Structure formats: C-alpha cells, structure tokens
C-alpha cells in the first residue's frame, strides 16, 4: 500500500531533498507540494503530511494536519520541547502521530548523544552552531535539542556553570546552556559542543558537508516512523539504536486553560 504524502515547503533546500527521497522510496508518493501561499486544504489528499516550511508557518501546518486526523513529520526548525508540549494535547486528543526531527543527520544525532552522555562530568558547557547566512532562525533546532538533552542528562548535577550570561555577547541560554549562533556564507552546517572542567576540555564537532547525502538515510527512517506513529515522537534517536542511552527532556505540563493551538501560535510570534 502506497502512503500518499503532502509536502509543505517542498521547493526549499530541505524540502527538495525530502522530495527526492520520497520519489526514490518504495511505498511513498508525493501527491501535493505546498508553498507559503498554498491552501492547506490541499492536505486533504494525503495520508501523511511532511512539513519542511518555516518556523512561522510550521505551527499552522501541524495544527491543520492534526485537525484533519493525519500524521505529520516535522523537519522545520524551531520546535523546542516547550513548543512541542503546546501541541501534544492536540495530538493526543486527535489520536494522531506527530514526529519532530531537529536534524535528519545520523552524525548529528550521535554528536548530540555524546554531548549528553558527557554532560554530567563537566561543569561548563557551551554550544556554537554555524549555518549559512540564509537560515532565518537562531539558535538552530539541533542546538536547542542538544541543550535540552544536556540539561536532562544533568538533572542530578544541576545547571551548568555559565558566568556573565547577563551580557548579550555571552549567547542565548537554552536550558541553562549558552548557545552562540553564527550565520555566514561558505558553510552548510556545523555544531561545536564545548565541555570544560578543571584542567581539561572536550569538544564534540559535527559538520554537514553534503546535505542530500547526509540527510537521506534519516529521512527514510523518519518517513517510515511517521507513517505509523502514535502520539508525539521527537528525534531520530527515538527510532534507531545508536548504543548510547539518551536522557529525554522532561515533558512540560499540558496546558490547563485555554486553547493549546492558540498558545502555540502565540509562541511562534514571540
């Protein structure tokens, strides 16, 4: 049986890669490619929605998929644990599945896992992420995910030591970890996690050189997982065994009052 896919943002950099993988993967067929001006009613023709849009559009895509009772695979950046928690009640109520992938690269997932595994042993941890100048959001979704995993791994050790974070040049704190974002030409994607302790430091670096080659295996894994998913699933590490125990960020308590979808939309605007 072929899974019909509606691909949102299919003409962008990531969307074009996903489109190529779908075309080459048995059991999947793209039946609609949506742009920023497309009517989300086009999602009706699909069994699975794949979102590779922008952070500002992504919340509407996810909400539209859930309202239509369709599973959704989200590759768009900007989905922190806090933001995902806002849509979790909607996914659970609809009985659908929503899969959020901060990075489709296996190497990136392993890098984040190594950082999380090392985190309890180093009091100082900072992340420097670099992307091409056309990336509109910062920090990257991968950096946010890595910081959240580090914080989860340090649940007993506590927050990292991060002096002088009141100064803007010290970066943005994500789960207590300073994150620094560089946007410059001549690079695809690079993340450095720097862990420091008395007398030593450890640097974990991941470079994306060829996005199409790096992302394709992870996209195939995520497509299969999203087709059959139930509830919210985050990260490729939830789907493959990389041999490293991955602590997961604590779930934010479900929203007690008001419409979670409205609050998620408000979070997007901030």
Foldseek 3Di string as FASTA:
>chain_A
DAFEEEEEPLVDPVNVLLQVLQVVDPRYDYPHYHYPPDDLVVCLVGQEYEYQYELLCVLVNVLSCLVSLHFYEYQYKDCALQLVLLCQVSQQVSFAEYEYALALFPLLQVLLLVLLVCLLVFQAKAKEKEAAQPRDDPDGRSVLQSLLQNLLSCVPVHAHDQPPVVDVVQADARSNHHYHYHHHPPFHIKMWMWGDHPPDIDIRMDGDDDRSVRRSVSSVQSVVCRSPGTGYHYHCVSRDCPPGDTRGHDRDDHDDDDRSSVVSSVVSVD
